[in-house]
């Protein structure tokens, strides 16, 4: 009996399984390859300072982003793109912190 086995089919099966797993994770939104154009610039957001006695107007339709305080850092989740989230930072790339009640 010859106990030698051809390892090439096993190696190709392993590589194919890895590619198939990555493709499935990417398709269902669990894996995202970030591109520079995916980043939201801080200039797209404006801080409206509230002054007592003054009125300010905001749109009735909500933004596509939802903010949540996670470990003391403000994290934005995009509701249009499943799984897309990011940390809100200032011009010096310092994270915007939040206070949890």
N, C-alpha and C. Protein backbone atom coordinates (compact mmCIF):
# COMPACT_ATOMS: atom_id res chain seq x y z
N UNK A 1 0.83 -1.17 0.00
CA UNK A 1 0.00 0.00 0.00
C UNK A 1 0.87 1.24 0.00
N UNK A 2 0.39 2.21 -0.69
CA UNK A 2 1.10 3.47 -0.79
C UNK A 2 0.39 4.48 0.12
N UNK A 3 1.11 4.91 1.17
CA UNK A 3 0.51 5.83 2.14
C UNK A 3 0.70 7.30 1.77
N UNK A 4 1.33 7.56 0.64
CA UNK A 4 1.51 8.95 0.23
C UNK A 4 0.20 9.48 -0.34
N UNK A 5 -0.14 10.71 0.08
CA UNK A 5 -1.34 11.36 -0.44
C UNK A 5 -0.93 12.62 -1.16
N UNK A 6 -1.71 12.97 -2.14
CA UNK A 6 -1.45 14.19 -2.87
C UNK A 6 -1.99 15.36 -2.05
N UNK A 7 -1.12 16.27 -1.63
CA UNK A 7 -1.52 17.38 -0.77
C UNK A 7 -2.10 18.56 -1.54
N UNK A 8 -1.95 18.59 -2.83
CA UNK A 8 -2.42 19.73 -3.62
C UNK A 8 -3.94 19.91 -3.51
N UNK A 9 -4.76 18.86 -3.63
CA UNK A 9 -6.21 19.07 -3.47
C UNK A 9 -6.59 19.58 -2.08
N UNK A 10 -5.89 19.14 -1.04
CA UNK A 10 -6.18 19.62 0.31
C UNK A 10 -5.84 21.10 0.45
N UNK A 11 -4.72 21.52 -0.10
CA UNK A 11 -4.30 22.92 -0.04
C UNK A 11 -5.28 23.79 -0.82
N UNK A 12 -5.67 23.35 -2.02
CA UNK A 12 -6.61 24.12 -2.83
C UNK A 12 -7.98 24.21 -2.15
N UNK A 13 -8.41 23.15 -1.49
CA UNK A 13 -9.68 23.16 -0.76
C UNK A 13 -9.62 24.15 0.39
N UNK A 14 -8.51 24.19 1.11
CA UNK A 14 -8.35 25.13 2.22
C UNK A 14 -8.37 26.57 1.74
N UNK A 15 -7.65 26.88 0.66
CA UNK A 15 -7.61 28.23 0.11
C UNK A 15 -8.99 28.62 -0.42
N UNK A 16 -9.66 27.70 -1.10
CA UNK A 16 -11.01 27.98 -1.60
C UNK A 16 -12.00 28.22 -0.47
N UNK A 17 -11.86 27.48 0.63
CA UNK A 17 -12.75 27.67 1.78
C UNK A 17 -12.54 29.05 2.40
N UNK A 18 -11.30 29.49 2.48
CA UNK A 18 -11.02 30.82 3.03
C UNK A 18 -11.64 31.90 2.15
N UNK A 19 -11.45 31.80 0.84
CA UNK A 19 -12.03 32.79 -0.08
C UNK A 19 -13.55 32.78 -0.01
N UNK A 20 -14.16 31.60 0.08
CA UNK A 20 -15.62 31.51 0.16
C UNK A 20 -16.13 32.11 1.47
N UNK A 21 -15.42 31.89 2.56
CA UNK A 21 -15.82 32.46 3.85
C UNK A 21 -15.75 33.98 3.82
N UNK A 22 -14.64 34.53 3.29
CA UNK A 22 -14.50 35.99 3.19
C UNK A 22 -15.58 36.57 2.29
N UNK A 23 -15.87 35.91 1.18
CA UNK A 23 -16.90 36.40 0.27
C UNK A 23 -18.28 36.40 0.93
N UNK A 24 -18.61 35.37 1.68
CA UNK A 24 -19.90 35.31 2.38
C UNK A 24 -19.99 36.39 3.46
N UNK A 25 -18.92 36.58 4.24
CA UNK A 25 -18.92 37.62 5.26
C UNK A 25 -19.07 39.00 4.64
N UNK A 26 -18.42 39.24 3.51
CA UNK A 26 -18.52 40.53 2.83
C UNK A 26 -19.94 40.73 2.27
N UNK A 27 -20.50 39.70 1.68
CA UNK A 27 -21.83 39.79 1.07
C UNK A 27 -22.90 40.13 2.10
N UNK A 28 -22.84 39.53 3.28
CA UNK A 28 -23.84 39.75 4.30
C UNK A 28 -23.55 40.95 5.20
N UNK A 29 -22.47 41.68 4.93
CA UNK A 29 -22.19 42.92 5.65
C UNK A 29 -21.40 42.78 6.93
N UNK A 30 -20.88 41.61 7.21
CA UNK A 30 -20.08 41.42 8.42
C UNK A 30 -18.62 41.80 8.21
N UNK A 31 -18.23 42.00 6.97
CA UNK A 31 -16.86 42.37 6.64
C UNK A 31 -16.93 43.54 5.67
N UNK A 32 -16.19 44.60 5.98
CA UNK A 32 -16.21 45.79 5.13
C UNK A 32 -14.78 46.21 4.87
N UNK A 33 -14.45 46.39 3.61
CA UNK A 33 -13.14 46.89 3.23
C UNK A 33 -13.24 48.40 3.12
N UNK A 34 -12.66 49.11 4.09
CA UNK A 34 -12.79 50.56 4.14
C UNK A 34 -11.95 51.22 3.07
N UNK A 35 -12.54 52.26 2.47
CA UNK A 35 -11.87 53.07 1.47
C UNK A 35 -11.82 54.50 2.01
N UNK A 36 -10.89 55.32 1.55
CA UNK A 36 -10.83 56.70 2.04
C UNK A 36 -12.12 57.47 1.82
N UNK A 37 -12.84 57.20 0.75
CA UNK A 37 -14.08 57.94 0.50
C UNK A 37 -15.21 57.51 1.42
N UNK A 38 -15.04 56.41 2.18
CA UNK A 38 -16.05 55.98 3.14
C UNK A 38 -16.05 56.84 4.40
N UNK A 39 -14.97 57.55 4.66
CA UNK A 39 -14.86 58.34 5.87
C UNK A 39 -15.73 59.60 5.75
N UNK A 40 -16.46 59.89 6.80
CA UNK A 40 -17.24 61.11 6.85
C UNK A 40 -16.37 62.21 7.43
N UNK A 41 -16.33 63.34 6.78
CA UNK A 41 -15.53 64.44 7.27
C UNK A 41 -16.27 65.17 8.38
N UNK A 42 -15.52 65.70 9.32
CA UNK A 42 -16.13 66.43 10.42
C UNK A 42 -16.85 67.67 9.91
N UNK A 43 -16.43 68.21 8.78
CA UNK A 43 -17.06 69.40 8.24
C UNK A 43 -18.49 69.14 7.79
N UNK A 44 -18.89 67.90 7.68
CA UNK A 44 -20.26 67.58 7.30
C UNK A 44 -21.21 67.73 8.48
N UNK A 45 -20.68 67.91 9.68
CA UNK A 45 -21.50 68.09 10.86
C UNK A 45 -21.28 69.48 11.41
N UNK A 46 -22.33 70.06 11.95
CA UNK A 46 -22.26 71.40 12.51
C UNK A 46 -22.82 71.38 13.93
N UNK A 47 -22.16 72.04 14.82
CA UNK A 47 -22.63 72.15 16.20
C UNK A 47 -23.53 73.36 16.31
N UNK A 48 -24.77 73.15 16.70
CA UNK A 48 -25.70 74.25 16.93
C UNK A 48 -25.69 74.57 18.42
N UNK A 49 -25.15 75.71 18.75
CA UNK A 49 -25.07 76.11 20.15
C UNK A 49 -26.43 76.62 20.58
N UNK A 50 -26.93 76.08 21.68
CA UNK A 50 -28.23 76.50 22.18
C UNK A 50 -28.03 77.64 23.17
N UNK A 51 -28.71 78.75 22.91
CA UNK A 51 -28.66 79.93 23.77
C UNK A 51 -30.05 80.11 24.35
N UNK A 52 -30.15 80.25 25.66
CA UNK A 52 -31.47 80.43 26.27
C UNK A 52 -32.19 81.64 25.67
N UNK A 53 -33.44 81.43 25.29
CA UNK A 53 -34.25 82.50 24.75
C UNK A 53 -34.18 82.65 23.24
N UNK A 54 -33.25 81.98 22.59
CA UNK A 54 -33.12 82.07 21.14
C UNK A 54 -33.68 80.80 20.50
N UNK A 55 -34.35 80.99 19.38
CA UNK A 55 -34.88 79.84 18.63
C UNK A 55 -33.86 79.39 17.59
N UNK A 56 -33.87 78.12 17.31
CA UNK A 56 -33.06 77.58 16.22
C UNK A 56 -33.91 76.56 15.49
N UNK A 57 -33.63 76.42 14.20
CA UNK A 57 -34.43 75.53 13.37
C UNK A 57 -33.58 74.34 12.94
N UNK A 58 -34.19 73.17 13.02
CA UNK A 58 -33.57 71.95 12.51
C UNK A 58 -34.59 71.25 11.63
N UNK A 59 -34.10 70.40 10.76
CA UNK A 59 -34.97 69.67 9.85
C UNK A 59 -35.80 68.65 10.61
N UNK A 60 -37.01 68.41 10.14
CA UNK A 60 -37.89 67.44 10.78
C UNK A 60 -37.46 66.01 10.46
N UNK A 61 -36.78 65.82 9.34
CA UNK A 61 -36.32 64.47 8.98
C UNK A 61 -35.01 64.19 9.69
N UNK A 62 -34.88 63.01 10.29
CA UNK A 62 -33.65 62.69 11.03
C UNK A 62 -32.49 62.40 10.08
N UNK A 63 -31.27 62.51 10.60
CA UNK A 63 -30.07 62.21 9.84
C UNK A 63 -29.95 60.71 9.63
N UNK A 64 -29.09 60.32 8.70
CA UNK A 64 -28.87 58.90 8.42
C UNK A 64 -27.97 58.25 9.45
N UNK A 65 -27.39 59.04 10.35
CA UNK A 65 -26.50 58.51 11.38
C UNK A 65 -27.19 58.51 12.74
N UNK A 66 -26.85 57.52 13.55
CA UNK A 66 -27.34 57.42 14.91
C UNK A 66 -26.13 57.36 15.82
N UNK A 67 -26.12 58.17 16.88
CA UNK A 67 -24.98 58.21 17.80
C UNK A 67 -25.27 57.40 19.05
N UNK A 68 -24.21 56.78 19.56
CA UNK A 68 -24.34 56.01 20.79
C UNK A 68 -23.05 56.17 21.57
N UNK A 69 -23.17 56.25 22.89
CA UNK A 69 -22.00 56.38 23.76
C UNK A 69 -21.51 54.97 24.12
N UNK A 70 -20.32 54.63 23.65
CA UNK A 70 -19.74 53.31 23.93
C UNK A 70 -18.38 53.52 24.57
N UNK A 71 -18.23 53.05 25.79
CA UNK A 71 -16.99 53.19 26.55
C UNK A 71 -16.53 54.64 26.63
N UNK A 72 -17.47 55.57 26.75
CA UNK A 72 -17.15 56.98 26.90
C UNK A 72 -16.77 57.69 25.62
N UNK A 73 -16.94 57.06 24.47
CA UNK A 73 -16.62 57.66 23.17
C UNK A 73 -17.88 57.68 22.32
N UNK A 74 -18.11 58.78 21.60
CA UNK A 74 -19.28 58.91 20.76
C UNK A 74 -19.07 58.18 19.44
N UNK A 75 -19.87 57.16 19.21
CA UNK A 75 -19.76 56.33 18.01
C UNK A 75 -20.99 56.58 17.14
N UNK A 76 -20.74 56.83 15.85
CA UNK A 76 -21.83 57.04 14.90
C UNK A 76 -22.05 55.78 14.08
N UNK A 77 -23.31 55.40 13.94
CA UNK A 77 -23.70 54.26 13.13
C UNK A 77 -24.50 54.78 11.94
N UNK A 78 -24.15 54.35 10.75
CA UNK A 78 -24.87 54.76 9.55
C UNK A 78 -26.02 53.79 9.33
N UNK A 79 -27.24 54.32 9.25
CA UNK A 79 -28.41 53.46 9.10
C UNK A 79 -28.63 53.05 7.65
N UNK A 80 -27.98 53.73 6.69
CA UNK A 80 -28.14 53.36 5.28
C UNK A 80 -27.26 52.17 4.92
N UNK A 81 -26.07 52.10 5.47
CA UNK A 81 -25.13 51.04 5.14
C UNK A 81 -24.96 50.14 6.34
N UNK A 82 -25.39 48.92 6.22
CA UNK A 82 -25.34 47.96 7.32
C UNK A 82 -23.90 47.72 7.76
N UNK A 83 -23.65 47.87 9.04
CA UNK A 83 -22.33 47.57 9.59
C UNK A 83 -21.33 48.71 9.51
N UNK A 84 -21.71 49.85 8.91
CA UNK A 84 -20.79 50.97 8.79
C UNK A 84 -20.91 51.84 10.02
N UNK A 85 -19.81 52.02 10.74
CA UNK A 85 -19.81 52.85 11.94
C UNK A 85 -18.46 53.52 12.06
N UNK A 86 -18.39 54.52 12.92
CA UNK A 86 -17.14 55.22 13.12
C UNK A 86 -17.18 56.08 14.36
N UNK A 87 -16.02 56.52 14.77
CA UNK A 87 -15.88 57.36 15.95
C UNK A 87 -15.84 58.81 15.49
N UNK A 88 -16.59 59.68 16.15
CA UNK A 88 -16.59 61.09 15.82
C UNK A 88 -15.34 61.73 16.40
N UNK A 89 -14.55 62.38 15.53
CA UNK A 89 -13.29 63.01 15.96
C UNK A 89 -13.30 64.48 15.55
N UNK A 90 -12.41 65.26 16.20
CA UNK A 90 -12.28 66.67 15.83
C UNK A 90 -11.17 66.81 14.79
N UNK A 91 -10.80 68.06 14.50
CA UNK A 91 -9.80 68.30 13.44
C UNK A 91 -8.43 67.75 13.78
N UNK A 92 -8.17 67.47 15.04
CA UNK A 92 -6.87 66.90 15.45
C UNK A 92 -6.98 65.39 15.69
N UNK A 93 -8.01 64.77 15.13
CA UNK A 93 -8.33 63.35 15.27
C UNK A 93 -8.42 62.89 16.72
N UNK A 94 -8.92 63.77 17.58
CA UNK A 94 -9.18 63.39 18.97
C UNK A 94 -10.65 62.97 19.06
N UNK A 95 -10.88 61.86 19.71
CA UNK A 95 -12.24 61.33 19.80
C UNK A 95 -13.12 62.24 20.66
N UNK A 96 -14.38 62.41 20.23
CA UNK A 96 -15.35 63.17 20.99
C UNK A 96 -15.89 62.25 22.08
N UNK A 97 -15.71 62.66 23.33
CA UNK A 97 -16.14 61.83 24.46
C UNK A 97 -17.56 62.19 24.86
N UNK A 98 -18.21 61.25 25.52
CA UNK A 98 -19.58 61.47 25.99
C UNK A 98 -19.69 60.95 27.41
N UNK A 99 -20.75 61.39 28.07
CA UNK A 99 -20.99 61.01 29.47
C UNK A 99 -22.16 60.06 29.50
N UNK A 100 -21.95 58.90 30.07
CA UNK A 100 -23.04 57.92 30.20
C UNK A 100 -23.74 58.15 31.53
N UNK A 101 -25.07 58.14 31.53
CA UNK A 101 -25.80 58.40 32.80
C UNK A 101 -25.67 57.24 33.76
